[in-house]
PDB file of N, CA and C in Angstrom:
ATOM      1  N   ILE A   1      95.916 102.740  74.428  1.00  0.00           N
ATOM      2  CA  ILE A   1      97.105 102.865  75.266  1.00  0.00           C
ATOM      3  C   ILE A   1      97.355 104.338  75.530  1.00  0.00           C
ATOM      4  N   ILE A   2      97.647 104.633  76.766  1.00  0.00           N
ATOM      5  CA  ILE A   2      97.937 106.003  77.167  1.00  0.00           C
ATOM      6  C   ILE A   2      99.424 106.252  76.985  1.00  0.00           C
ATOM      7  N   SER A   3      99.742 107.311  76.266  1.00  0.00           N
ATOM      8  CA  SER A   3     101.156 107.625  76.069  1.00  0.00           C
ATOM      9  C   SER A   3     101.532 108.847  76.894  1.00  0.00           C
ATOM     10  N   GLY A   4     102.800 109.053  77.033  1.00  0.00           N
ATOM     11  CA  GLY A   4     103.288 110.182  77.810  1.00  0.00           C
ATOM     12  C   GLY A   4     104.090 109.697  78.995  1.00  0.00           C
ATOM     13  N   PRO A   5     104.694 110.630  79.687  1.00  0.00           N
ATOM     14  CA  PRO A   5     105.525 110.234  80.830  1.00  0.00           C
ATOM     15  C   PRO A   5     104.681 109.735  82.000  1.00  0.00           C
ATOM     16  N   LEU A   6     105.261 108.832  82.745  1.00  0.00           N
ATOM     17  CA  LEU A   6     104.594 108.335  83.956  1.00  0.00           C
ATOM     18  C   LEU A   6     104.769 109.345  85.070  1.00  0.00           C
ATOM     19  N   GLU A   7     103.699 109.608  85.741  1.00  0.00           N
ATOM     20  CA  GLU A   7     103.769 110.544  86.850  1.00  0.00           C
ATOM     21  C   GLU A   7     104.071 109.781  88.134  1.00  0.00           C
ATOM     22  N   PRO A   8     104.878 110.366  89.004  1.00  0.00           N
ATOM     23  CA  PRO A   8     105.212 109.688  90.267  1.00  0.00           C
ATOM     24  C   PRO A   8     103.994 109.399  91.135  1.00  0.00           C
ATOM     25  N   LYS A   9     102.904 110.153  90.928  1.00  0.00           N
ATOM     26  CA  LYS A   9     101.729 109.931  91.770  1.00  0.00           C
ATOM     27  C   LYS A   9     101.146 108.531  91.579  1.00  0.00           C
ATOM     28  N   LEU A  10     101.385 107.906  90.426  1.00  0.00           N
ATOM     29  CA  LEU A  10     100.917 106.533  90.229  1.00  0.00           C
ATOM     30  C   LEU A  10     101.617 105.573  91.184  1.00  0.00           C
ATOM     31  N   TYR A  11     102.938 105.721  91.290  1.00  0.00           N
ATOM     32  CA  TYR A  11     103.701 104.857  92.201  1.00  0.00           C
ATOM     33  C   TYR A  11     103.314 105.124  93.656  1.00  0.00           C
ATOM     34  N   PHE A  12     103.171 106.405  93.983  1.00  0.00           N
ATOM     35  CA  PHE A  12     102.841 106.755  95.366  1.00  0.00           C
ATOM     36  C   PHE A  12     101.443 106.289  95.745  1.00  0.00           C
ATOM     37  N   ALA A  13     100.504 106.367  94.818  1.00  0.00           N
ATOM     38  CA  ALA A  13      99.144 105.900  95.096  1.00  0.00           C
ATOM     39  C   ALA A  13      99.136 104.395  95.333  1.00  0.00           C
ATOM     40  N   ASN A  14      99.935 103.683  94.550  1.00  0.00           N
ATOM     41  CA  ASN A  14     100.027 102.229  94.731  1.00  0.00           C
ATOM     42  C   ASN A  14     100.624 101.898  96.098  1.00  0.00           C
ATOM     43  N   GLU A  15     101.660 102.613  96.482  1.00  0.00           N
ATOM     44  CA  GLU A  15     102.276 102.369  97.795  1.00  0.00           C
ATOM     45  C   GLU A  15     101.332 102.740  98.929  1.00  0.00           C
ATOM     46  N   ARG A  16     100.590 103.836  98.760  1.00  0.00           N
ATOM     47  CA  ARG A  16      99.622 104.236  99.797  1.00  0.00           C
ATOM     48  C   ARG A  16      98.561 103.165  99.972  1.00  0.00           C
ATOM     49  N   THR A  17      98.108 102.603  98.862  1.00  0.00           N
ATOM     50  CA  THR A  17      97.098 101.553  98.939  1.00  0.00           C
ATOM     51  C   THR A  17      97.641 100.335  99.689  1.00  0.00           C
ATOM     52  N   LEU A  18      98.882  99.959  99.382  1.00  0.00           N
ATOM     53  CA  LEU A  18      99.506  98.839 100.100  1.00  0.00           C
ATOM     54  C   LEU A  18      99.600  99.141 101.589  1.00  0.00           C
ATOM     55  N   LEU A  19     100.012 100.339 101.931  1.00  0.00           N
ATOM     56  CA  LEU A  19     100.139 100.700 103.351  1.00  0.00           C
ATOM     57  C   LEU A  19      98.788 100.674 104.062  1.00  0.00           C
ATOM     58  N   HIS A  20      97.738 101.089 103.388  1.00  0.00           N
ATOM     59  CA  HIS A  20      96.400 101.026 104.000  1.00  0.00           C
ATOM     60  C   HIS A  20      95.980  99.572 104.234  1.00  0.00           C
ATOM     61  N   TRP A  21      96.241  98.719 103.261  1.00  0.00           N
ATOM     62  CA  TRP A  21      95.930  97.300 103.437  1.00  0.00           C
ATOM     63  C   TRP A  21      96.726  96.713 104.605  1.00  0.00           C
ATOM     64  N   LEU A  22      98.026  97.034 104.664  1.00  0.00           N
ATOM     65  CA  LEU A  22      98.858  96.487 105.735  1.00  0.00           C
ATOM     66  C   LEU A  22      98.422  97.005 107.101  1.00  0.00           C
ATOM     67  N   HIS A  23      97.979  98.258 107.156  1.00  0.00           N
ATOM     68  CA  HIS A  23      97.472  98.799 108.419  1.00  0.00           C
ATOM     69  C   HIS A  23      96.246  98.020 108.879  1.00  0.00           C
ATOM     70  N   THR A  24      95.357  97.729 107.941  1.00  0.00           N
ATOM     71  CA  THR A  24      94.169  96.935 108.265  1.00  0.00           C
ATOM     72  C   THR A  24      94.552  95.535 108.729  1.00  0.00           C
ATOM     73  N   CYS A  25      95.524  94.936 108.051  1.00  0.00           N
ATOM     74  CA  CYS A  25      95.972  93.590 108.421  1.00  0.00           C
ATOM     75  C   CYS A  25      96.597  93.570 109.805  1.00  0.00           C
ATOM     76  N   LEU A  26      97.388  94.576 110.120  1.00  0.00           N
ATOM     77  CA  LEU A  26      97.997  94.631 111.452  1.00  0.00           C
ATOM     78  C   LEU A  26      96.948  94.838 112.535  1.00  0.00           C
ATOM     79  N   THR A  27      95.923  95.598 112.226  1.00  0.00           N
ATOM     80  CA  THR A  27      94.832  95.772 113.191  1.00  0.00           C
ATOM     81  C   THR A  27      94.124  94.442 113.435  1.00  0.00           C
ATOM     82  N   LEU A  28      93.842  93.707 112.355  1.00  0.00           N
ATOM     83  CA  LEU A  28      93.200  92.395 112.508  1.00  0.00           C
ATOM     84  C   LEU A  28      94.089  91.425 113.282  1.00  0.00           C
ATOM     85  N   ALA A  29      95.387  91.434 112.982  1.00  0.00           N
ATOM     86  CA  ALA A  29      96.307  90.544 113.689  1.00  0.00           C
ATOM     87  C   ALA A  29      96.378  90.908 115.170  1.00  0.00           C
ATOM     88  N   SER A  30      96.356  92.188 115.476  1.00  0.00           N
ATOM     89  CA  SER A  30      96.382  92.618 116.884  1.00  0.00           C
ATOM     90  C   SER A  30      95.137  92.155 117.623  1.00  0.00           C
ATOM     91  N   ILE A  31      93.993  92.289 116.971  1.00  0.00           N
ATOM     92  CA  ILE A  31      92.751  91.825 117.599  1.00  0.00           C
ATOM     93  C   ILE A  31      92.805  90.316 117.796  1.00  0.00           C
ATOM     94  N   GLY A  32      93.339  89.609 116.822  1.00  0.00           N
ATOM     95  CA  GLY A  32      93.484  88.160 116.946  1.00  0.00           C
ATOM     96  C   GLY A  32      94.386  87.770 118.096  1.00  0.00           C
ATOM     97  N   MET A  33      95.487  88.504 118.283  1.00  0.00           N
ATOM     98  CA  MET A  33      96.395  88.206 119.399  1.00  0.00           C
ATOM     99  C   MET A  33      95.751  88.502 120.742  1.00  0.00           C
ATOM    100  N   VAL A  34      94.968  89.565 120.804  1.00  0.00           N
ATOM    101  CA  VAL A  34      94.269  89.878 122.056  1.00  0.00           C
ATOM    102  C   VAL A  34      93.262  88.790 122.382  1.00  0.00           C
ATOM    103  N   LEU A  35      92.519  88.348 121.375  1.00  0.00           N
ATOM    104  CA  LEU A  35      91.553  87.269 121.607  1.00  0.00           C
ATOM    105  C   LEU A  35      92.245  85.986 122.036  1.00  0.00           C
ATOM    106  N   THR A  36      93.384  85.688 121.430  1.00  0.00           N
ATOM    107  CA  THR A  36      94.121  84.479 121.773  1.00  0.00           C
ATOM    108  C   THR A  36      94.640  84.540 123.203  1.00  0.00           C
ATOM    109  N   SER A  37      95.177  85.684 123.586  1.00  0.00           N
ATOM    110  CA  SER A  37      95.732  85.793 124.935  1.00  0.00           C
ATOM    111  C   SER A  37      94.643  85.890 126.006  1.00  0.00           C
ATOM    112  N   ALA A  38      93.448  86.348 125.625  1.00  0.00           N
ATOM    113  CA  ALA A  38      92.362  86.471 126.595  1.00  0.00           C
ATOM    114  C   ALA A  38      91.548  85.195 126.727  1.00  0.00           C
ATOM    115  N   SER A  39      91.843  84.197 125.917  1.00  0.00           N
ATOM    116  CA  SER A  39      91.057  82.966 125.970  1.00  0.00           C
ATOM    117  C   SER A  39      91.411  82.166 127.223  1.00  0.00           C
ATOM    118  N   THR A  40      90.457  81.379 127.649  1.00  0.00           N
ATOM    119  CA  THR A  40      90.659  80.511 128.809  1.00  0.00           C
ATOM    120  C   THR A  40      90.522  79.058 128.364  1.00  0.00           C
ATOM    121  N   SER A  41      90.966  78.166 129.203  1.00  0.00           N
ATOM    122  CA  SER A  41      90.890  76.738 128.857  1.00  0.00           C
ATOM    123  C   SER A  41      89.454  76.228 128.860  1.00  0.00           C
ATOM    124  N   THR A  42      88.571  76.920 129.560  1.00  0.00           N
ATOM    125  CA  THR A  42      87.178  76.475 129.609  1.00  0.00           C
ATOM    126  C   THR A  42      86.388  76.945 128.391  1.00  0.00           C
ATOM    127  N   SER A  43      86.862  77.982 127.734  1.00  0.00           N
ATOM    128  CA  SER A  43      86.156  78.509 126.561  1.00  0.00           C
ATOM    129  C   SER A  43      87.136  78.682 125.401  1.00  0.00           C
ATOM    130  N   PRO A  44      87.261  77.663 124.560  1.00  0.00           N
ATOM    131  CA  PRO A  44      88.217  77.756 123.447  1.00  0.00           C
ATOM    132  C   PRO A  44      87.711  78.587 122.259  1.00  0.00           C
ATOM    133  N   VAL A  45      86.504  79.142 122.368  1.00  0.00           N
ATOM    134  CA  VAL A  45      85.952  79.906 121.248  1.00  0.00           C
ATOM    135  C   VAL A  45      86.826  81.122 120.937  1.00  0.00           C
ATOM    136  N   MET A  46      87.269  81.821 121.967  1.00  0.00           N
ATOM    137  CA  MET A  46      88.109  83.000 121.746  1.00  0.00           C
ATOM    138  C   MET A  46      89.461  82.603 121.165  1.00  0.00           C
ATOM    139  N   LEU A  47      89.984  81.467 121.583  1.00  0.00           N
ATOM    140  CA  LEU A  47      91.255  80.984 121.043  1.00  0.00           C
ATOM    141  C   LEU A  47      91.117  80.672 119.549  1.00  0.00           C
ATOM    142  N   ILE A  48      90.067  79.980 119.190  1.00  0.00           N
ATOM    143  CA  ILE A  48      89.840  79.631 117.786  1.00  0.00           C
ATOM    144  C   ILE A  48      89.605  80.893 116.954  1.00  0.00           C
ATOM    145  N   ALA A  49      88.812  81.828 117.484  1.00  0.00           N
ATOM    146  CA  ALA A  49      88.555  83.079 116.758  1.00  0.00           C
ATOM    147  C   ALA A  49      89.840  83.882 116.581  1.00  0.00           C
ATOM    148  N   GLY A  50      90.669  83.924 117.621  1.00  0.00           N
ATOM    149  CA  GLY A  50      91.931  84.657 117.530  1.00  0.00           C
ATOM    150  C   GLY A  50      92.887  84.058 116.517  1.00  0.00           C
ATOM    151  N   ILE A  51      92.977  82.742 116.515  1.00  0.00           N
ATOM    152  CA  ILE A  51      93.852  82.069 115.545  1.00  0.00           C
ATOM    153  C   ILE A  51      93.316  82.270 114.127  1.00  0.00           C
ATOM    154  N   ALA A  52      92.010  82.151 113.958  1.00  0.00           N
ATOM    155  CA  ALA A  52      91.408  82.344 112.631  1.00  0.00           C
ATOM    156  C   ALA A  52      91.631  83.774 112.132  1.00  0.00           C
ATOM    157  N   LEU A  53      91.465  84.741 113.011  1.00  0.00           N
ATOM    158  CA  LEU A  53      91.672  86.139 112.625  1.00  0.00           C
ATOM    159  C   LEU A  53      93.126  86.401 112.250  1.00  0.00           C
ATOM    160  N   SER A  54      94.044  85.783 112.958  1.00  0.00           N
ATOM    161  CA  SER A  54      95.463  85.943 112.638  1.00  0.00           C
ATOM    162  C   SER A  54      95.801  85.310 111.295  1.00  0.00           C
ATOM    163  N   ILE A  55      95.226  84.158 111.011  1.00  0.00           N
ATOM    164  CA  ILE A  55      95.464  83.497 109.725  1.00  0.00           C
ATOM    165  C   ILE A  55      94.874  84.328 108.581  1.00  0.00           C
ATOM    166  N   VAL A  56      93.674  84.847 108.784  1.00  0.00           N
ATOM    167  CA  VAL A  56      93.056  85.717 107.771  1.00  0.00           C
ATOM    168  C   VAL A  56      93.919  86.953 107.540  1.00  0.00           C
ATOM    169  N   SER A  57      94.480  87.501 108.605  1.00  0.00           N
ATOM    170  CA  SER A  57      95.325  88.675 108.482  1.00  0.00           C
ATOM    171  C   SER A  57      96.567  88.397 107.639  1.00  0.00           C
ATOM    172  N   VAL A  58      97.203  87.259 107.869  1.00  0.00           N
ATOM    173  CA  VAL A  58      98.382  86.889 107.076  1.00  0.00           C
ATOM    174  C   VAL A  58      97.994  86.681 105.615  1.00  0.00           C
ATOM    175  N   GLY A  59      96.843  86.058 105.384  1.00  0.00           N
ATOM    176  CA  GLY A  59      96.361  85.870 104.018  1.00  0.00           C
ATOM    177  C   GLY A  59      96.095  87.193 103.309  1.00  0.00           C
ATOM    178  N   LEU A  60      95.501  88.135 104.023  1.00  0.00           N
ATOM    179  CA  LEU A  60      95.263  89.454 103.439  1.00  0.00           C
ATOM    180  C   LEU A  60      96.559  90.199 103.163  1.00  0.00           C
ATOM    181  N   MET A  61      97.559  90.018 104.031  1.00  0.00           N
ATOM    182  CA  MET A  61      98.860  90.644 103.773  1.00  0.00           C
ATOM    183  C   MET A  61      99.468  90.110 102.487  1.00  0.00           C
ATOM    184  N   TRP A  62      99.392  88.798 102.302  1.00  0.00           N
ATOM    185  CA  TRP A  62      99.926  88.182 101.096  1.00  0.00           C
ATOM    186  C   TRP A  62      99.177  88.701  99.863  1.00  0.00           C
ATOM    187  N   TYR A  63      97.840  88.749  99.961  1.00  0.00           N
ATOM    188  CA  TYR A  63      97.018  89.233  98.854  1.00  0.00           C
ATOM    189  C   TYR A  63      97.356  90.686  98.514  1.00  0.00           C
ATOM    190  N   ALA A  64      97.474  91.534  99.520  1.00  0.00           N
ATOM    191  CA  ALA A  64      97.781  92.945  99.289  1.00  0.00           C
ATOM    192  C   ALA A  64      99.142  93.099  98.620  1.00  0.00           C
ATOM    193  N   TYR A  65     100.118  92.306  99.035  1.00  0.00           N
ATOM    194  CA  TYR A  65     101.451  92.394  98.440  1.00  0.00           C
ATOM    195  C   TYR A  65     101.433  91.928  96.990  1.00  0.00           C
ATOM    196  N   ARG A  66     100.688  90.854  96.699  1.00  0.00           N
ATOM    197  CA  ARG A  66     100.600  90.375  95.321  1.00  0.00           C
ATOM    198  C   ARG A  66      99.919  91.404  94.421  1.00  0.00           C
ATOM    199  N   ILE A  67      98.871  92.037  94.912  1.00  0.00           N
ATOM    200  CA  ILE A  67      98.193  93.076  94.139  1.00  0.00           C
ATOM    201  C   ILE A  67      99.126  94.267  93.925  1.00  0.00           C
ATOM    202  N   PHE A  68      99.895  94.624  94.942  1.00  0.00           N
ATOM    203  CA  PHE A  68     100.876  95.708  94.813  1.00  0.00           C
ATOM    204  C   PHE A  68     101.872  95.391  93.703  1.00  0.00           C
ATOM    205  N   LEU A  69     102.409  94.169  93.696  1.00  0.00           N
ATOM    206  CA  LEU A  69     103.373  93.789  92.663  1.00  0.00           C
ATOM    207  C   LEU A  69     102.727  93.770  91.280  1.00  0.00           C
ATOM    208  N   TRP A  70     101.499  93.292  91.194  1.00  0.00           N
ATOM    209  CA  TRP A  70     100.791  93.254  89.919  1.00  0.00           C
ATOM    210  C   TRP A  70     100.590  94.666  89.373  1.00  0.00           C
ATOM    211  N   ARG A  71     100.188  95.581  90.252  1.00  0.00           N
ATOM    212  CA  ARG A  71      99.986  96.970  89.819  1.00  0.00           C
ATOM    213  C   ARG A  71     101.304  97.616  89.413  1.00  0.00           C
ATOM    214  N   MET A  72     102.378  97.318  90.144  1.00  0.00           N
ATOM    215  CA  MET A  72     103.688  97.868  89.774  1.00  0.00           C
ATOM    216  C   MET A  72     104.093  97.369  88.386  1.00  0.00           C
ATOM    217  N   GLU A  73     103.805  96.120  88.105  1.00  0.00           N
ATOM    218  CA  GLU A  73     104.116  95.566  86.787  1.00  0.00           C
ATOM    219  C   GLU A  73     103.304  96.277  85.698  1.00  0.00           C
ATOM    220  N   LYS A  74     102.015  96.502  85.980  1.00  0.00           N
ATOM    221  CA  LYS A  74     101.172  97.187  85.009  1.00  0.00           C
ATOM    222  C   LYS A  74     101.621  98.632  84.805  1.00  0.00           C
ATOM    223  N   ILE A  75     101.997  99.299  85.869  1.00  0.00           N
ATOM    224  CA  ILE A  75     102.480 100.685  85.766  1.00  0.00           C
ATOM    225  C   ILE A  75     103.793 100.707  84.995  1.00  0.00           C
ATOM    226  N   GLY A  76     104.680  99.767  85.311  1.00  0.00           N
ATOM    227  CA  GLY A  76     105.970  99.706  84.629  1.00  0.00           C
ATOM    228  C   GLY A  76     105.853  99.387  83.144  1.00  0.00           C
ATOM    229  N   SER A  77     104.845  98.619  82.766  1.00  0.00           N
ATOM    230  CA  SER A  77     104.689  98.269  81.351  1.00  0.00           C
ATOM    231  C   SER A  77     104.133  99.434  80.539  1.00  0.00           C
ATOM    232  N   ARG A  78     103.602 100.428  81.199  1.00  0.00           N
ATOM    233  CA  ARG A  78     103.115 101.627  80.495  1.00  0.00           C
ATOM    234  C   ARG A  78     104.257 102.503  80.016  1.00  0.00           C
ATOM    235  N   ALA A  79     105.414 102.370  80.631  1.00  0.00           N
ATOM    236  CA  ALA A  79     106.541 103.265  80.294  1.00  0.00           C
ATOM    237  C   ALA A  79     107.051 103.041  78.901  1.00  0.00           C
TER     238      ALA A  79
END
């Protein structure tokens, strides 16, 4: 076990990691929305890909948030 005071950089690094994940998720969701809006009735492939990408993006957002909370708990238990 590491003893000593907790440095603020641990909290900031955790938040930065969450923000990077969320940035990636928003990029994926944006691409999914573009694919969905660009789809035509004759070719549903883009519609399906856009919806799938949006669902994956929401799943990654949930995963990133859960990992953020888990890390905060681990950091907090070191105090």
